Structure formats: C-alpha cells, structure tokens
C-alpha cells in the first residue's frame, strides 16, 4: 500500500476540521436557513425578556422608596408606556442583532461545509485513482 503525502495532508486537515470548527458547523448545517435563524431569534427574545425583567426588577428595588413616594402623582399609564417602549426597544434591538449574527454564522458555516464536502469528494477520487 502506497502512502500519498497529498492524501495524508488532506485527511489530517479534514480530521482537524471535524474535531474543531466542523462540529458546530455540522449542527448548523443540519437546519434549513429559516429554521436555524427562527430558533435563534426565539431564544434571543426569551433571553432578552428575562434580562429586561431582571434589570427592571433591580431598578424598582433600588428606587422603590422614590417610586412609592411619587406613586399618587405619577401617571401610571405614561410610566407603563415608557417601560413598554424601553422593553420593545431593547428586545427588538437584541432580536435584530441576533438575526444579523445568525445569518452571517449560517452562511459562513454552509460555505465551510461546502469546502469540507468538496475535500471529501477529492479524497474519494484519490482512492479511486489508485
């Protein structure tokens, strides 16, 4: 059996890819583009909502005395509108950022997998040519 240096180099490069970056790319590549992005965006909406609730809760705890002192003078509808506006801005911005990042990540993973599958075909043809 003759060892080909080119085959060994290609197999080593592919094994390194499979152990590192390729593991995540295969998981991403198993999804359709829209499904992957939708799942990630939904996760970001849930996480953004939880983060906002934590921040709002901490704000209310830190300023509860001031809030209670001005409770009867405060327009609660305006306060609720402001809180809702800030919530929508934060979660909406986080969602848009997640969409952009996940789209870029999906495209780069698909491109990387395309190169990997091309190398698999190349390796298979090297064994046929022997």
N, C-alpha and C. Protein backbone atom coordinates (compact mmCIF):
# COMPACT_ATOMS: atom_id res chain seq x y z
N UNK A 1 0.84 -1.16 0.00
CA UNK A 1 0.00 0.00 0.00
C UNK A 1 0.90 1.24 0.00
N UNK A 2 0.64 2.10 -0.94
CA UNK A 2 1.45 3.29 -1.12
C UNK A 2 0.77 4.46 -0.39
N UNK A 3 1.56 5.16 0.44
CA UNK A 3 1.04 6.33 1.15
C UNK A 3 1.27 7.56 0.30
N UNK A 4 0.22 8.29 0.11
CA UNK A 4 0.31 9.51 -0.67
C UNK A 4 0.38 10.69 0.31
N UNK A 5 1.40 11.52 0.15
CA UNK A 5 1.56 12.67 1.04
C UNK A 5 0.39 13.64 0.91
N UNK A 6 -0.12 13.79 -0.30
CA UNK A 6 -1.25 14.70 -0.52
C UNK A 6 -2.50 14.19 0.19
N UNK A 7 -2.71 12.86 0.16
CA UNK A 7 -3.87 12.29 0.84
C UNK A 7 -3.75 12.44 2.35
N UNK A 8 -2.56 12.23 2.87
CA UNK A 8 -2.35 12.35 4.31
C UNK A 8 -2.58 13.78 4.77
N UNK A 9 -2.08 14.73 4.03
CA UNK A 9 -2.28 16.14 4.37
C UNK A 9 -3.77 16.49 4.34
N UNK A 10 -4.47 16.05 3.30
CA UNK A 10 -5.90 16.33 3.18
C UNK A 10 -6.69 15.66 4.31
N UNK A 11 -6.35 14.41 4.63
CA UNK A 11 -7.06 13.71 5.70
C UNK A 11 -6.79 14.37 7.05
N UNK A 12 -5.56 14.82 7.28
CA UNK A 12 -5.24 15.50 8.53
C UNK A 12 -6.00 16.80 8.66
N UNK A 13 -6.05 17.56 7.57
CA UNK A 13 -6.79 18.83 7.57
C UNK A 13 -8.27 18.60 7.84
N UNK A 14 -8.82 17.55 7.22
CA UNK A 14 -10.25 17.26 7.41
C UNK A 14 -10.54 16.77 8.82
N UNK A 15 -9.64 15.95 9.38
CA UNK A 15 -9.84 15.46 10.75
C UNK A 15 -9.77 16.63 11.74
N UNK A 16 -8.87 17.55 11.51
CA UNK A 16 -8.76 18.73 12.36
C UNK A 16 -10.03 19.56 12.28
N UNK A 17 -10.56 19.71 11.09
CA UNK A 17 -11.81 20.45 10.91
C UNK A 17 -12.96 19.76 11.64
N UNK A 18 -13.04 18.43 11.52
CA UNK A 18 -14.13 17.68 12.16
C UNK A 18 -14.08 17.80 13.68
N UNK A 19 -12.89 17.85 14.24
CA UNK A 19 -12.75 17.93 15.69
C UNK A 19 -12.99 19.33 16.24
N UNK A 20 -12.80 20.34 15.44
CA UNK A 20 -12.92 21.72 15.91
C UNK A 20 -14.14 22.42 15.37
N UNK A 21 -13.90 23.29 14.42
CA UNK A 21 -14.94 24.15 13.84
C UNK A 21 -16.06 23.34 13.17
N UNK A 22 -15.71 22.22 12.59
CA UNK A 22 -16.68 21.42 11.84
C UNK A 22 -17.79 20.87 12.68
N UNK A 23 -17.52 20.60 13.95
CA UNK A 23 -18.54 20.04 14.83
C UNK A 23 -19.74 20.99 14.94
N UNK A 24 -19.44 22.27 15.16
CA UNK A 24 -20.52 23.26 15.25
C UNK A 24 -21.16 23.51 13.89
N UNK A 25 -20.34 23.52 12.84
CA UNK A 25 -20.87 23.78 11.50
C UNK A 25 -21.82 22.68 11.04
N UNK A 26 -21.55 21.44 11.41
CA UNK A 26 -22.44 20.34 11.04
C UNK A 26 -23.78 20.50 11.74
N UNK A 27 -23.76 20.91 13.01
CA UNK A 27 -25.02 21.14 13.73
C UNK A 27 -25.83 22.24 13.06
N UNK A 28 -25.15 23.31 12.67
CA UNK A 28 -25.83 24.42 11.99
C UNK A 28 -26.32 23.97 10.62
N UNK A 29 -25.50 23.23 9.90
CA UNK A 29 -25.84 22.79 8.55
C UNK A 29 -27.00 21.82 8.48
N UNK A 30 -27.35 21.20 9.60
CA UNK A 30 -28.48 20.27 9.62
C UNK A 30 -29.83 21.00 9.55
N UNK A 31 -29.82 22.30 9.81
CA UNK A 31 -31.05 23.09 9.75
C UNK A 31 -31.20 23.74 8.38
N UNK A 32 -32.45 24.01 8.02
CA UNK A 32 -32.69 24.93 6.92
C UNK A 32 -32.38 26.32 7.44
N UNK A 33 -32.05 27.22 6.55
CA UNK A 33 -31.64 28.57 6.95
C UNK A 33 -32.73 29.24 7.81
N UNK A 34 -33.95 29.21 7.33
CA UNK A 34 -35.03 29.89 8.05
C UNK A 34 -35.29 29.24 9.41
N UNK A 35 -35.19 27.91 9.49
CA UNK A 35 -35.42 27.23 10.76
C UNK A 35 -34.34 27.60 11.78
N UNK A 36 -33.07 27.59 11.35
CA UNK A 36 -31.98 27.92 12.25
C UNK A 36 -32.12 29.34 12.79
N UNK A 37 -32.38 30.27 11.89
CA UNK A 37 -32.48 31.67 12.30
C UNK A 37 -33.70 31.88 13.20
N UNK A 38 -34.82 31.24 12.89
CA UNK A 38 -36.02 31.38 13.70
C UNK A 38 -35.80 30.86 15.11
N UNK A 39 -35.16 29.71 15.25
CA UNK A 39 -34.89 29.15 16.57
C UNK A 39 -33.99 30.10 17.37
N UNK A 40 -32.95 30.62 16.74
CA UNK A 40 -32.03 31.51 17.43
C UNK A 40 -32.70 32.83 17.82
N UNK A 41 -33.54 33.34 16.94
CA UNK A 41 -34.25 34.60 17.25
C UNK A 41 -35.23 34.39 18.40
N UNK A 42 -35.94 33.27 18.40
CA UNK A 42 -36.86 32.99 19.51
C UNK A 42 -36.11 32.85 20.83
N UNK A 43 -34.95 32.21 20.79
CA UNK A 43 -34.13 32.11 22.00
C UNK A 43 -33.72 33.50 22.48
N UNK A 44 -33.35 34.36 21.55
CA UNK A 44 -32.91 35.70 21.94
C UNK A 44 -34.06 36.53 22.50
N UNK A 45 -35.27 36.34 21.98
CA UNK A 45 -36.43 37.05 22.52
C UNK A 45 -36.69 36.61 23.96
N UNK A 46 -36.62 35.32 24.21
CA UNK A 46 -36.83 34.82 25.57
C UNK A 46 -35.74 35.34 26.51
N UNK A 47 -34.49 35.25 26.08
CA UNK A 47 -33.38 35.72 26.92
C UNK A 47 -33.44 37.23 27.12
N UNK A 48 -33.79 37.97 26.08
CA UNK A 48 -33.92 39.42 26.20
C UNK A 48 -35.02 39.81 27.16
N UNK A 49 -36.13 39.09 27.12
CA UNK A 49 -37.24 39.36 28.03
C UNK A 49 -36.82 39.09 29.48
N UNK A 50 -36.15 37.98 29.70
CA UNK A 50 -35.68 37.65 31.05
C UNK A 50 -34.69 38.72 31.54
N UNK A 51 -33.77 39.12 30.67
CA UNK A 51 -32.78 40.14 31.05
C UNK A 51 -33.48 41.46 31.37
N UNK A 52 -34.47 41.83 30.57
CA UNK A 52 -35.18 43.08 30.84
C UNK A 52 -35.92 43.01 32.17
N UNK A 53 -36.57 41.90 32.42
CA UNK A 53 -37.31 41.76 33.68
C UNK A 53 -36.36 41.83 34.88
N UNK A 54 -35.20 41.24 34.76
CA UNK A 54 -34.22 41.31 35.85
C UNK A 54 -33.76 42.75 36.05
N UNK A 55 -33.44 43.44 34.95
CA UNK A 55 -32.99 44.82 35.06
C UNK A 55 -34.09 45.72 35.62
N UNK A 56 -35.32 45.53 35.16
CA UNK A 56 -36.43 46.33 35.65
C UNK A 56 -36.68 46.05 37.13
N UNK A 57 -36.61 44.79 37.51
CA UNK A 57 -36.78 44.43 38.91
C UNK A 57 -35.71 45.06 39.79
N UNK A 58 -34.46 45.03 39.32
CA UNK A 58 -33.38 45.67 40.08
C UNK A 58 -33.58 47.18 40.17
N UNK A 59 -34.03 47.78 39.09
CA UNK A 59 -34.31 49.21 39.09
C UNK A 59 -35.40 49.54 40.11
N UNK A 60 -36.45 48.76 40.12
CA UNK A 60 -37.55 49.01 41.04
C UNK A 60 -37.11 48.79 42.50
N UNK A 61 -36.28 47.79 42.73
CA UNK A 61 -35.79 47.55 44.09
C UNK A 61 -34.92 48.72 44.56
N UNK A 62 -34.06 49.19 43.67
CA UNK A 62 -33.16 50.30 44.04
C UNK A 62 -33.90 51.61 44.23
N UNK A 63 -35.01 51.80 43.53
CA UNK A 63 -35.74 53.08 43.57
C UNK A 63 -37.15 52.95 44.12
N UNK A 64 -37.39 51.92 44.93
CA UNK A 64 -38.75 51.69 45.40
C UNK A 64 -39.25 52.81 46.30
N UNK A 65 -38.36 53.36 47.11
CA UNK A 65 -38.80 54.42 48.03
C UNK A 65 -39.27 55.64 47.25
N UNK A 66 -38.48 56.04 46.26
CA UNK A 66 -38.86 57.19 45.42
C UNK A 66 -40.14 56.91 44.65
N UNK A 67 -40.26 55.68 44.15
CA UNK A 67 -41.45 55.30 43.39
C UNK A 67 -42.70 55.36 44.28
N UNK A 68 -42.59 54.84 45.49
CA UNK A 68 -43.75 54.84 46.39
C UNK A 68 -44.12 56.25 46.85
N UNK A 69 -43.11 57.11 47.03
CA UNK A 69 -43.39 58.49 47.44
C UNK A 69 -44.14 59.27 46.36
N UNK A 70 -43.84 58.96 45.11
CA UNK A 70 -44.45 59.68 43.99
C UNK A 70 -45.56 58.87 43.30
N UNK A 71 -46.01 57.81 43.94
CA UNK A 71 -46.98 56.91 43.31
C UNK A 71 -48.28 57.63 42.94
N UNK A 72 -48.79 58.46 43.83
CA UNK A 72 -50.08 59.11 43.56
C UNK A 72 -49.95 60.27 42.58
N UNK A 73 -48.74 60.78 42.42
CA UNK A 73 -48.52 61.89 41.50
C UNK A 73 -48.09 61.40 40.12
N UNK A 74 -47.75 60.15 40.03
CA UNK A 74 -47.24 59.58 38.78
C UNK A 74 -48.39 59.16 37.88
N UNK A 75 -48.24 59.48 36.59
CA UNK A 75 -49.19 58.99 35.59
C UNK A 75 -48.78 57.56 35.27
N UNK A 76 -49.53 56.60 35.80
CA UNK A 76 -49.15 55.19 35.65
C UNK A 76 -49.22 54.72 34.20
N UNK A 77 -50.14 55.26 33.42
CA UNK A 77 -50.21 54.88 32.01
C UNK A 77 -48.97 55.36 31.26
N UNK A 78 -48.51 56.57 31.56
CA UNK A 78 -47.29 57.08 30.93
C UNK A 78 -46.09 56.25 31.37
N UNK A 79 -46.05 55.89 32.65
CA UNK A 79 -44.96 55.05 33.16
C UNK A 79 -44.96 53.69 32.48
N UNK A 80 -46.14 53.08 32.36
CA UNK A 80 -46.25 51.77 31.70
C UNK A 80 -45.86 51.88 30.23
N UNK A 81 -46.27 52.99 29.57
CA UNK A 81 -45.92 53.19 28.17
C UNK A 81 -44.39 53.31 28.00
N UNK A 82 -43.78 54.04 28.93
CA UNK A 82 -42.31 54.20 28.87
C UNK A 82 -41.60 52.87 29.09
N UNK A 83 -42.07 52.10 30.05
CA UNK A 83 -41.47 50.78 30.32
C UNK A 83 -41.65 49.87 29.11
N UNK A 84 -42.83 49.87 28.53
CA UNK A 84 -43.10 49.04 27.36
C UNK A 84 -42.27 49.48 26.16
N UNK A 85 -42.09 50.79 25.99
CA UNK A 85 -41.26 51.30 24.90
C UNK A 85 -39.81 50.87 25.07
N UNK A 86 -39.31 50.98 26.30
CA UNK A 86 -37.93 50.54 26.56
C UNK A 86 -37.78 49.04 26.36
N UNK A 87 -38.80 48.28 26.78
CA UNK A 87 -38.77 46.84 26.58
C UNK A 87 -38.71 46.50 25.09
N UNK A 88 -39.59 47.10 24.31
CA UNK A 88 -39.63 46.82 22.87
C UNK A 88 -38.33 47.24 22.18
N UNK A 89 -37.78 48.36 22.61
CA UNK A 89 -36.52 48.83 22.03
C UNK A 89 -35.39 47.86 22.34
N UNK A 90 -35.30 47.45 23.59
CA UNK A 90 -34.21 46.55 23.97
C UNK A 90 -34.35 45.18 23.31
N UNK A 91 -35.51 44.58 23.42
CA UNK A 91 -35.70 43.24 22.86
C UNK A 91 -35.67 43.30 21.34
N UNK A 92 -36.24 44.34 20.75
CA UNK A 92 -36.20 44.47 19.29
C UNK A 92 -34.79 44.64 18.77
N UNK A 93 -34.00 45.47 19.43
CA UNK A 93 -32.61 45.65 19.02
C UNK A 93 -31.81 44.38 19.17
N UNK A 94 -32.02 43.69 20.27
CA UNK A 94 -31.33 42.42 20.50
C UNK A 94 -31.75 41.38 19.47
N UNK A 95 -33.01 41.39 19.09
CA UNK A 95 -33.50 40.44 18.09
C UNK A 95 -32.90 40.73 16.72
N UNK A 96 -32.84 41.99 16.34
CA UNK A 96 -32.23 42.36 15.05
C UNK A 96 -30.76 41.97 15.03
N UNK A 97 -30.06 42.24 16.12
CA UNK A 97 -28.65 41.87 16.21
C UNK A 97 -28.48 40.36 16.10
N UNK A 98 -29.34 39.61 16.77
CA UNK A 98 -29.29 38.15 16.69
C UNK A 98 -29.55 37.67 15.27
N UNK A 99 -30.51 38.27 14.60
CA UNK A 99 -30.82 37.88 13.22
C UNK A 99 -29.60 38.09 12.31
N UNK A 100 -28.96 39.24 12.44
CA UNK A 100 -27.80 39.54 11.59
C UNK A 100 -26.65 38.58 11.89
N UNK A 101 -26.36 38.37 13.16
CA UNK A 101 -25.24 37.49 13.53
C UNK A 101 -25.53 36.05 13.11
N UNK A 102 -26.73 35.57 13.33
CA UNK A 102 -27.06 34.19 12.98
C UNK A 102 -27.10 33.97 11.47
N UNK A 103 -27.53 34.97 10.72
CA UNK A 103 -27.50 34.87 9.26
C UNK A 103 -26.06 34.75 8.78
N UNK A 104 -25.20 35.59 9.31
CA UNK A 104 -23.78 35.55 8.94
C UNK A 104 -23.17 34.21 9.35
N UNK A 105 -23.49 33.74 10.55
CA UNK A 105 -22.95 32.47 11.04
C UNK A 105 -23.42 31.30 10.18
N UNK A 106 -24.69 31.31 9.78
CA UNK A 106 -25.22 30.23 8.95
C UNK A 106 -24.56 30.21 7.58
N UNK A 107 -24.41 31.39 6.98
CA UNK A 107 -23.80 31.47 5.65
C UNK A 107 -22.35 30.99 5.70
N UNK A 108 -21.61 31.43 6.72
CA UNK A 108 -20.20 31.01 6.81
C UNK A 108 -20.09 29.52 7.12
N UNK A 109 -21.00 28.97 7.92
CA UNK A 109 -20.98 27.53 8.20
C UNK A 109 -21.28 26.73 6.93
N UNK A 110 -22.25 27.17 6.16
CA UNK A 110 -22.57 26.47 4.91
C UNK A 110 -21.40 26.52 3.93
N UNK A 111 -20.74 27.68 3.85
CA UNK A 111 -19.60 27.82 2.96
C UNK A 111 -18.47 26.88 3.40
N UNK A 112 -18.24 26.81 4.69
CA UNK A 112 -17.20 25.95 5.23
C UNK A 112 -17.53 24.48 4.99
N UNK A 113 -18.79 24.11 5.17
CA UNK A 113 -19.21 22.72 4.92
C UNK A 113 -19.11 22.37 3.44
N UNK A 114 -19.38 23.34 2.58
CA UNK A 114 -19.26 23.10 1.15
C UNK A 114 -17.81 22.76 0.80
N UNK A 115 -16.88 23.49 1.38
CA UNK A 115 -15.46 23.21 1.16
C UNK A 115 -15.10 21.84 1.73
N UNK A 116 -15.63 21.51 2.89
CA UNK A 116 -15.36 20.22 3.51
C UNK A 116 -15.88 19.07 2.63
N UNK A 117 -17.09 19.20 2.13
CA UNK A 117 -17.65 18.14 1.28
C UNK A 117 -16.89 18.05 -0.05
N UNK A 118 -16.41 19.16 -0.53
CA UNK A 118 -15.57 19.15 -1.74
C UNK A 118 -14.29 18.36 -1.47
N UNK A 119 -13.69 18.57 -0.30
CA UNK A 119 -12.48 17.83 0.07
C UNK A 119 -12.78 16.34 0.24
N UNK A 120 -13.97 16.01 0.74
CA UNK A 120 -14.35 14.59 0.84
C UNK A 120 -14.42 13.94 -0.54
N UNK A 121 -15.02 14.64 -1.48
CA UNK A 121 -15.09 14.11 -2.85
C UNK A 121 -13.70 13.97 -3.45
N UNK A 122 -12.87 14.96 -3.19
CA UNK A 122 -11.49 14.94 -3.69
C UNK A 122 -10.74 13.75 -3.10
N UNK A 123 -10.92 13.49 -1.80
CA UNK A 123 -10.27 12.36 -1.15
C UNK A 123 -10.79 11.04 -1.71
N UNK A 124 -12.09 10.98 -1.95
CA UNK A 124 -12.67 9.76 -2.52
C UNK A 124 -12.13 9.50 -3.92
N UNK A 125 -11.94 10.55 -4.71
CA UNK A 125 -11.40 10.36 -6.06
C UNK A 125 -9.93 9.96 -6.01
N UNK A 126 -9.20 10.37 -4.97
CA UNK A 126 -7.80 9.95 -4.82
C UNK A 126 -7.71 8.45 -4.59
N UNK A 127 -8.66 7.89 -3.85
CA UNK A 127 -8.66 6.45 -3.62
C UNK A 127 -9.08 5.69 -4.86
N UNK A 128 -9.95 6.26 -5.67
CA UNK A 128 -10.37 5.61 -6.91
C UNK A 128 -9.25 5.60 -7.95
N UNK A 129 -8.44 6.67 -7.94
CA UNK A 129 -7.37 6.80 -8.92
C UNK A 129 -6.20 5.86 -8.64
N UNK A 130 -6.13 5.32 -7.51
CA UNK A 130 -5.01 4.47 -7.14
C UNK A 130 -4.97 3.22 -7.92
